[in-house]
PDB file of N, CA and C in Angstrom:
ATOM      1  N   MET A   1       9.888  -9.052  15.251  1.00  0.00           N
ATOM      2  CA  MET A   1      11.272  -9.430  15.185  1.00  0.00           C
ATOM      3  C   MET A   1      12.007  -8.422  14.303  1.00  0.00           C
ATOM      4  N   LYS A   2      13.212  -8.076  14.691  1.00  0.00           N
ATOM      5  CA  LYS A   2      14.067  -7.206  13.896  1.00  0.00           C
ATOM      6  C   LYS A   2      15.130  -8.060  13.226  1.00  0.00           C
ATOM      7  N   ALA A   3      15.417  -7.765  11.964  1.00  0.00           N
ATOM      8  CA  ALA A   3      16.438  -8.517  11.237  1.00  0.00           C
ATOM      9  C   ALA A   3      17.176  -7.569  10.301  1.00  0.00           C
ATOM     10  N   SER A   4      18.452  -7.823  10.134  1.00  0.00           N
ATOM     11  CA  SER A   4      19.242  -7.040   9.189  1.00  0.00           C
ATOM     12  C   SER A   4      19.324  -7.804   7.873  1.00  0.00           C
ATOM     13  N   ILE A   5      19.915  -7.169   6.890  1.00  0.00           N
ATOM     14  CA  ILE A   5      20.104  -7.823   5.602  1.00  0.00           C
ATOM     15  C   ILE A   5      20.966  -9.079   5.769  1.00  0.00           C
ATOM     16  N   VAL A   6      21.978  -9.008   6.631  1.00  0.00           N
ATOM     17  CA  VAL A   6      22.848 -10.163   6.878  1.00  0.00           C
ATOM     18  C   VAL A   6      22.046 -11.294   7.530  1.00  0.00           C
ATOM     19  N   ASP A   7      21.130 -10.935   8.437  1.00  0.00           N
ATOM     20  CA  ASP A   7      20.281 -11.953   9.067  1.00  0.00           C
ATOM     21  C   ASP A   7      19.418 -12.666   8.031  1.00  0.00           C
ATOM     22  N   LEU A   8      18.948 -11.931   7.043  1.00  0.00           N
ATOM     23  CA  LEU A   8      18.140 -12.564   5.999  1.00  0.00           C
ATOM     24  C   LEU A   8      18.928 -13.670   5.301  1.00  0.00           C
ATOM     25  N   ARG A   9      20.200 -13.440   5.145  1.00  0.00           N
ATOM     26  CA  ARG A   9      21.037 -14.422   4.450  1.00  0.00           C
ATOM     27  C   ARG A   9      21.420 -15.596   5.344  1.00  0.00           C
ATOM     28  N   TYR A  10      21.840 -15.301   6.564  1.00  0.00           N
ATOM     29  CA  TYR A  10      22.398 -16.347   7.418  1.00  0.00           C
ATOM     30  C   TYR A  10      21.422 -16.931   8.438  1.00  0.00           C
ATOM     31  N   LYS A  11      20.328 -16.266   8.707  1.00  0.00           N
ATOM     32  CA  LYS A  11      19.368 -16.755   9.703  1.00  0.00           C
ATOM     33  C   LYS A  11      17.970 -16.897   9.104  1.00  0.00           C
ATOM     34  N   THR A  12      17.930 -17.360   7.870  1.00  0.00           N
ATOM     35  CA  THR A  12      16.665 -17.482   7.150  1.00  0.00           C
ATOM     36  C   THR A  12      15.683 -18.396   7.885  1.00  0.00           C
ATOM     37  N   LYS A  13      16.162 -19.500   8.443  1.00  0.00           N
ATOM     38  CA  LYS A  13      15.272 -20.431   9.150  1.00  0.00           C
ATOM     39  C   LYS A  13      14.596 -19.753  10.345  1.00  0.00           C
ATOM     40  N   GLU A  14      15.358 -18.970  11.097  1.00  0.00           N
ATOM     41  CA  GLU A  14      14.783 -18.275  12.252  1.00  0.00           C
ATOM     42  C   GLU A  14      13.727 -17.261  11.821  1.00  0.00           C
ATOM     43  N   ILE A  15      14.002 -16.567  10.751  1.00  0.00           N
ATOM     44  CA  ILE A  15      13.048 -15.578  10.249  1.00  0.00           C
ATOM     45  C   ILE A  15      11.776 -16.272   9.771  1.00  0.00           C
ATOM     46  N   LEU A  16      11.932 -17.387   9.070  1.00  0.00           N
ATOM     47  CA  LEU A  16      10.761 -18.133   8.616  1.00  0.00           C
ATOM     48  C   LEU A  16       9.955 -18.685   9.785  1.00  0.00           C
ATOM     49  N   ARG A  17      10.632 -19.102  10.843  1.00  0.00           N
ATOM     50  CA  ARG A  17       9.912 -19.565  12.040  1.00  0.00           C
ATOM     51  C   ARG A  17       9.102 -18.435  12.661  1.00  0.00           C
ATOM     52  N   ALA A  18       9.687 -17.245  12.698  1.00  0.00           N
ATOM     53  CA  ALA A  18       8.957 -16.089  13.245  1.00  0.00           C
ATOM     54  C   ALA A  18       7.732 -15.772  12.388  1.00  0.00           C
ATOM     55  N   ILE A  19       7.885 -15.867  11.083  1.00  0.00           N
ATOM     56  CA  ILE A  19       6.753 -15.602  10.188  1.00  0.00           C
ATOM     57  C   ILE A  19       5.676 -16.664  10.367  1.00  0.00           C
ATOM     58  N   GLU A  20       6.081 -17.935  10.523  1.00  0.00           N
ATOM     59  CA  GLU A  20       5.111 -19.004  10.763  1.00  0.00           C
ATOM     60  C   GLU A  20       4.374 -18.804  12.084  1.00  0.00           C
ATOM     61  N   ALA A  21       5.039 -18.146  13.041  1.00  0.00           N
ATOM     62  CA  ALA A  21       4.412 -17.857  14.335  1.00  0.00           C
ATOM     63  C   ALA A  21       3.572 -16.581  14.262  1.00  0.00           C
ATOM     64  N   ARG A  22       3.329 -16.098  13.021  1.00  0.00           N
ATOM     65  CA  ARG A  22       2.481 -14.927  12.776  1.00  0.00           C
ATOM     66  C   ARG A  22       3.095 -13.632  13.321  1.00  0.00           C
ATOM     67  N   GLU A  23       4.412 -13.566  13.357  1.00  0.00           N
ATOM     68  CA  GLU A  23       5.125 -12.389  13.864  1.00  0.00           C
ATOM     69  C   GLU A  23       5.688 -11.601  12.682  1.00  0.00           C
ATOM     70  N   PRO A  24       5.388 -10.307  12.591  1.00  0.00           N
ATOM     71  CA  PRO A  24       5.974  -9.505  11.513  1.00  0.00           C
ATOM     72  C   PRO A  24       7.478  -9.331  11.722  1.00  0.00           C
ATOM     73  N   VAL A  25       8.223  -9.264  10.623  1.00  0.00           N
ATOM     74  CA  VAL A  25       9.681  -9.131  10.678  1.00  0.00           C
ATOM     75  C   VAL A  25      10.064  -7.796  10.037  1.00  0.00           C
ATOM     76  N   SER A  26      10.712  -6.926  10.807  1.00  0.00           N
ATOM     77  CA  SER A  26      11.188  -5.641  10.302  1.00  0.00           C
ATOM     78  C   SER A  26      12.603  -5.815   9.765  1.00  0.00           C
ATOM     79  N   ILE A  27      12.826  -5.343   8.545  1.00  0.00           N
ATOM     80  CA  ILE A  27      14.121  -5.490   7.896  1.00  0.00           C
ATOM     81  C   ILE A  27      14.868  -4.161   7.962  1.00  0.00           C
ATOM     82  N   TYR A  28      16.098  -4.198   8.488  1.00  0.00           N
ATOM     83  CA  TYR A  28      16.919  -3.002   8.638  1.00  0.00           C
ATOM     84  C   TYR A  28      18.165  -3.099   7.773  1.00  0.00           C
ATOM     85  N   TYR A  29      18.543  -1.974   7.188  1.00  0.00           N
ATOM     86  CA  TYR A  29      19.759  -1.880   6.390  1.00  0.00           C
ATOM     87  C   TYR A  29      20.507  -0.648   6.855  1.00  0.00           C
ATOM     88  N   HIS A  30      21.710  -0.836   7.363  1.00  0.00           N
ATOM     89  CA  HIS A  30      22.514   0.235   7.954  1.00  0.00           C
ATOM     90  C   HIS A  30      21.741   0.963   9.065  1.00  0.00           C
ATOM     91  N   GLY A  31      20.983   0.194   9.838  1.00  0.00           N
ATOM     92  CA  GLY A  31      20.262   0.742  10.979  1.00  0.00           C
ATOM     93  C   GLY A  31      18.966   1.452  10.636  1.00  0.00           C
ATOM     94  N   LYS A  32      18.594   1.496   9.376  1.00  0.00           N
ATOM     95  CA  LYS A  32      17.357   2.171   8.960  1.00  0.00           C
ATOM     96  C   LYS A  32      16.349   1.129   8.480  1.00  0.00           C
ATOM     97  N   LEU A  33      15.114   1.317   8.900  1.00  0.00           N
ATOM     98  CA  LEU A  33      14.043   0.407   8.506  1.00  0.00           C
ATOM     99  C   LEU A  33      13.802   0.515   7.003  1.00  0.00           C
ATOM    100  N   LYS A  34      13.884  -0.617   6.310  1.00  0.00           N
ATOM    101  CA  LYS A  34      13.678  -0.644   4.863  1.00  0.00           C
ATOM    102  C   LYS A  34      12.376  -1.324   4.473  1.00  0.00           C
ATOM    103  N   GLY A  35      11.860  -2.172   5.336  1.00  0.00           N
ATOM    104  CA  GLY A  35      10.619  -2.858   5.007  1.00  0.00           C
ATOM    105  C   GLY A  35      10.197  -3.797   6.110  1.00  0.00           C
ATOM    106  N   THR A  36       9.006  -4.328   5.948  1.00  0.00           N
ATOM    107  CA  THR A  36       8.458  -5.258   6.922  1.00  0.00           C
ATOM    108  C   THR A  36       7.852  -6.442   6.189  1.00  0.00           C
ATOM    109  N   ILE A  37       8.168  -7.628   6.658  1.00  0.00           N
ATOM    110  CA  ILE A  37       7.543  -8.839   6.126  1.00  0.00           C
ATOM    111  C   ILE A  37       6.380  -9.169   7.041  1.00  0.00           C
ATOM    112  N   ILE A  38       5.196  -9.165   6.470  1.00  0.00           N
ATOM    113  CA  ILE A  38       3.987  -9.441   7.242  1.00  0.00           C
ATOM    114  C   ILE A  38       3.490 -10.827   6.842  1.00  0.00           C
ATOM    115  N   PRO A  39       3.220 -11.697   7.804  1.00  0.00           N
ATOM    116  CA  PRO A  39       2.756 -13.044   7.470  1.00  0.00           C
ATOM    117  C   PRO A  39       1.465 -13.000   6.656  1.00  0.00           C
ATOM    118  N   ALA A  40       1.403 -13.834   5.639  1.00  0.00           N
ATOM    119  CA  ALA A  40       0.207 -13.919   4.798  1.00  0.00           C
ATOM    120  C   ALA A  40      -0.904 -14.608   5.564  1.00  0.00           C
ATOM    121  N   GLU A  41      -2.113 -14.256   5.188  1.00  0.00           N
ATOM    122  CA  GLU A  41      -3.252 -14.945   5.784  1.00  0.00           C
ATOM    123  C   GLU A  41      -3.270 -16.368   5.252  1.00  0.00           C
ATOM    124  N   SER A  42      -3.911 -17.232   5.987  1.00  0.00           N
ATOM    125  CA  SER A  42      -3.987 -18.609   5.506  1.00  0.00           C
ATOM    126  C   SER A  42      -4.723 -18.618   4.171  1.00  0.00           C
ATOM    127  N   ALA A  43      -4.382 -19.568   3.350  1.00  0.00           N
ATOM    128  CA  ALA A  43      -4.964 -19.636   2.008  1.00  0.00           C
ATOM    129  C   ALA A  43      -6.465 -19.859   2.117  1.00  0.00           C
ATOM    130  N   LYS A  44      -7.197 -18.842   1.755  1.00  0.00           N
ATOM    131  CA  LYS A  44      -8.653 -18.937   1.778  1.00  0.00           C
ATOM    132  C   LYS A  44      -9.145 -18.958   0.342  1.00  0.00           C
ATOM    133  N   LYS A  45     -10.173 -19.714   0.104  1.00  0.00           N
ATOM    134  CA  LYS A  45     -10.763 -19.726  -1.214  1.00  0.00           C
ATOM    135  C   LYS A  45     -11.609 -18.468  -1.354  1.00  0.00           C
ATOM    136  N   PHE A  46     -11.433 -17.769  -2.451  1.00  0.00           N
ATOM    137  CA  PHE A  46     -12.192 -16.545  -2.694  1.00  0.00           C
ATOM    138  C   PHE A  46     -13.620 -16.898  -3.034  1.00  0.00           C
ATOM    139  N   ASP A  47     -14.562 -16.328  -2.301  1.00  0.00           N
ATOM    140  CA  ASP A  47     -15.976 -16.566  -2.553  1.00  0.00           C
ATOM    141  C   ASP A  47     -16.547 -15.319  -3.209  1.00  0.00           C
ATOM    142  N   SER A  48     -16.776 -15.396  -4.510  1.00  0.00           N
ATOM    143  CA  SER A  48     -17.243 -14.228  -5.253  1.00  0.00           C
ATOM    144  C   SER A  48     -18.639 -13.803  -4.823  1.00  0.00           C
ATOM    145  N   LYS A  49     -19.432 -14.705  -4.296  1.00  0.00           N
ATOM    146  CA  LYS A  49     -20.790 -14.351  -3.883  1.00  0.00           C
ATOM    147  C   LYS A  49     -20.805 -13.447  -2.663  1.00  0.00           C
ATOM    148  N   LYS A  50     -19.714 -13.413  -1.906  1.00  0.00           N
ATOM    149  CA  LYS A  50     -19.643 -12.544  -0.740  1.00  0.00           C
ATOM    150  C   LYS A  50     -19.044 -11.175  -1.073  1.00  0.00           C
ATOM    151  N   HIS A  51     -18.610 -11.005  -2.313  1.00  0.00           N
ATOM    152  CA  HIS A  51     -18.021  -9.732  -2.727  1.00  0.00           C
ATOM    153  C   HIS A  51     -19.121  -8.677  -2.784  1.00  0.00           C
ATOM    154  N   PRO A  52     -18.840  -7.431  -2.354  1.00  0.00           N
ATOM    155  CA  PRO A  52     -19.875  -6.394  -2.310  1.00  0.00           C
ATOM    156  C   PRO A  52     -20.484  -6.065  -3.676  1.00  0.00           C
ATOM    157  N   LEU A  53     -19.758  -6.304  -4.755  1.00  0.00           N
ATOM    158  CA  LEU A  53     -20.290  -5.977  -6.078  1.00  0.00           C
ATOM    159  C   LEU A  53     -21.051  -7.129  -6.723  1.00  0.00           C
ATOM    160  N   PHE A  54     -21.121  -8.265  -6.068  1.00  0.00           N
ATOM    161  CA  PHE A  54     -21.851  -9.407  -6.618  1.00  0.00           C
ATOM    162  C   PHE A  54     -23.330  -9.062  -6.696  1.00  0.00           C
ATOM    163  N   GLY A  55     -23.932  -9.314  -7.848  1.00  0.00           N
ATOM    164  CA  GLY A  55     -25.356  -9.041  -8.025  1.00  0.00           C
ATOM    165  C   GLY A  55     -25.651  -7.596  -8.352  1.00  0.00           C
ATOM    166  N   MET A  56     -24.635  -6.817  -8.677  1.00  0.00           N
ATOM    167  CA  MET A  56     -24.811  -5.399  -8.951  1.00  0.00           C
ATOM    168  C   MET A  56     -25.742  -5.180 -10.142  1.00  0.00           C
ATOM    169  N   ARG A  57     -25.679  -6.045 -11.129  1.00  0.00           N
ATOM    170  CA  ARG A  57     -26.511  -5.912 -12.327  1.00  0.00           C
ATOM    171  C   ARG A  57     -27.486  -7.093 -12.394  1.00  0.00           C
ATOM    172  N   LYS A  58     -28.132  -7.354 -11.326  1.00  0.00           N
ATOM    173  CA  LYS A  58     -28.974  -8.538 -11.194  1.00  0.00           C
ATOM    174  C   LYS A  58     -30.063  -8.616 -12.263  1.00  0.00           C
ATOM    175  N   GLY A  59     -30.730  -7.517 -12.547  1.00  0.00           N
ATOM    176  CA  GLY A  59     -31.840  -7.536 -13.504  1.00  0.00           C
ATOM    177  C   GLY A  59     -31.415  -7.235 -14.931  1.00  0.00           C
ATOM    178  N   GLU A  60     -30.148  -7.277 -15.218  1.00  0.00           N
ATOM    179  CA  GLU A  60     -29.614  -6.927 -16.546  1.00  0.00           C
ATOM    180  C   GLU A  60     -30.090  -7.922 -17.600  1.00  0.00           C
ATOM    181  N   LYS A  61     -30.609  -7.406 -18.724  1.00  0.00           N
ATOM    182  CA  LYS A  61     -31.090  -8.256 -19.810  1.00  0.00           C
ATOM    183  C   LYS A  61     -30.004  -8.517 -20.848  1.00  0.00           C
ATOM    184  N   LYS A  62     -28.955  -7.684 -20.849  1.00  0.00           N
ATOM    185  CA  LYS A  62     -27.888  -7.820 -21.837  1.00  0.00           C
ATOM    186  C   LYS A  62     -26.926  -8.931 -21.410  1.00  0.00           C
ATOM    187  N   SER A  63     -26.232  -9.473 -22.407  1.00  0.00           N
ATOM    188  CA  SER A  63     -25.231 -10.490 -22.103  1.00  0.00           C
ATOM    189  C   SER A  63     -24.003  -9.819 -21.480  1.00  0.00           C
ATOM    190  N   VAL A  64     -23.177 -10.608 -20.842  1.00  0.00           N
ATOM    191  CA  VAL A  64     -21.954 -10.093 -20.231  1.00  0.00           C
ATOM    192  C   VAL A  64     -21.075  -9.460 -21.302  1.00  0.00           C
ATOM    193  N   ARG A  65     -21.004 -10.084 -22.462  1.00  0.00           N
ATOM    194  CA  ARG A  65     -20.184  -9.567 -23.563  1.00  0.00           C
ATOM    195  C   ARG A  65     -20.664  -8.178 -24.005  1.00  0.00           C
ATOM    196  N   GLN A  66     -21.988  -7.980 -24.099  1.00  0.00           N
ATOM    197  CA  GLN A  66     -22.526  -6.675 -24.495  1.00  0.00           C
ATOM    198  C   GLN A  66     -22.225  -5.614 -23.444  1.00  0.00           C
ATOM    199  N   VAL A  67     -22.380  -5.953 -22.186  1.00  0.00           N
ATOM    200  CA  VAL A  67     -22.111  -4.996 -21.111  1.00  0.00           C
ATOM    201  C   VAL A  67     -20.638  -4.607 -21.110  1.00  0.00           C
ATOM    202  N   MET A  68     -19.749  -5.584 -21.256  1.00  0.00           N
ATOM    203  CA  MET A  68     -18.318  -5.282 -21.274  1.00  0.00           C
ATOM    204  C   MET A  68     -17.942  -4.438 -22.483  1.00  0.00           C
ATOM    205  N   LYS A  69     -18.567  -4.680 -23.617  1.00  0.00           N
ATOM    206  CA  LYS A  69     -18.302  -3.883 -24.818  1.00  0.00           C
ATOM    207  C   LYS A  69     -18.697  -2.422 -24.577  1.00  0.00           C
ATOM    208  N   GLU A  70     -19.835  -2.211 -23.921  1.00  0.00           N
ATOM    209  CA  GLU A  70     -20.276  -0.844 -23.600  1.00  0.00           C
ATOM    210  C   GLU A  70     -19.325  -0.168 -22.616  1.00  0.00           C
ATOM    211  N   LEU A  71     -18.868  -0.915 -21.631  1.00  0.00           N
ATOM    212  CA  LEU A  71     -17.967  -0.341 -20.632  1.00  0.00           C
ATOM    213  C   LEU A  71     -16.606   0.009 -21.215  1.00  0.00           C
ATOM    214  N   ARG A  72     -16.173  -0.741 -22.211  1.00  0.00           N
ATOM    215  CA  ARG A  72     -14.843  -0.539 -22.778  1.00  0.00           C
ATOM    216  C   ARG A  72     -14.822   0.385 -23.995  1.00  0.00           C
ATOM    217  N   ARG A  73     -15.967   0.845 -24.417  1.00  0.00           N
ATOM    218  CA  ARG A  73     -16.005   1.687 -25.615  1.00  0.00           C
ATOM    219  C   ARG A  73     -15.299   3.022 -25.355  1.00  0.00           C
ATOM    220  N   PRO A  74     -14.840   3.671 -26.422  1.00  0.00           N
ATOM    221  CA  PRO A  74     -14.184   4.973 -26.251  1.00  0.00           C
ATOM    222  C   PRO A  74     -15.145   6.007 -25.676  1.00  0.00           C
ATOM    223  N   ARG A  75     -14.613   6.960 -24.965  1.00  0.00           N
ATOM    224  CA  ARG A  75     -15.458   7.951 -24.288  1.00  0.00           C
ATOM    225  C   ARG A  75     -16.022   9.012 -25.207  1.00  0.00           C
ATOM    226  N   TYR A  76     -15.503   9.128 -26.417  1.00  0.00           N
ATOM    227  CA  TYR A  76     -16.007  10.180 -27.285  1.00  0.00           C
ATOM    228  C   TYR A  76     -17.436   9.912 -27.728  1.00  0.00           C
ATOM    229  N   HIS A  77     -17.953   8.701 -27.504  1.00  0.00           N
ATOM    230  CA  HIS A  77     -19.355   8.408 -27.817  1.00  0.00           C
ATOM    231  C   HIS A  77     -20.288   9.158 -26.847  1.00  0.00           C
ATOM    232  N   ASP A  78     -19.798   9.547 -25.695  1.00  0.00           N
ATOM    233  CA  ASP A  78     -20.631  10.209 -24.703  1.00  0.00           C
ATOM    234  C   ASP A  78     -20.792  11.704 -24.976  1.00  0.00           C
ATOM    235  N   LEU A  79     -20.012  12.261 -25.876  1.00  0.00           N
ATOM    236  CA  LEU A  79     -20.083  13.698 -26.158  1.00  0.00           C
ATOM    237  C   LEU A  79     -21.241  14.040 -27.030  1.00  0.00           C
TER     238      LEU A  79
END
């Protein structure tokens, strides 16, 4: 769907219906494309166990606090 800045103000319900129908809305200002509203994905619960970095330090003996302290330390310790 194409919409102008004026349409955003006066035809908000129509634009929201298009977004609910999973249709992207292109916003034009003075005939030039300024942006696109893309419908959000349905609210999914984030599952950290499916993240690619989950289990990266599986055999780590240090506590999370110790590991984070090492990661955040200044870099001049490495010289």
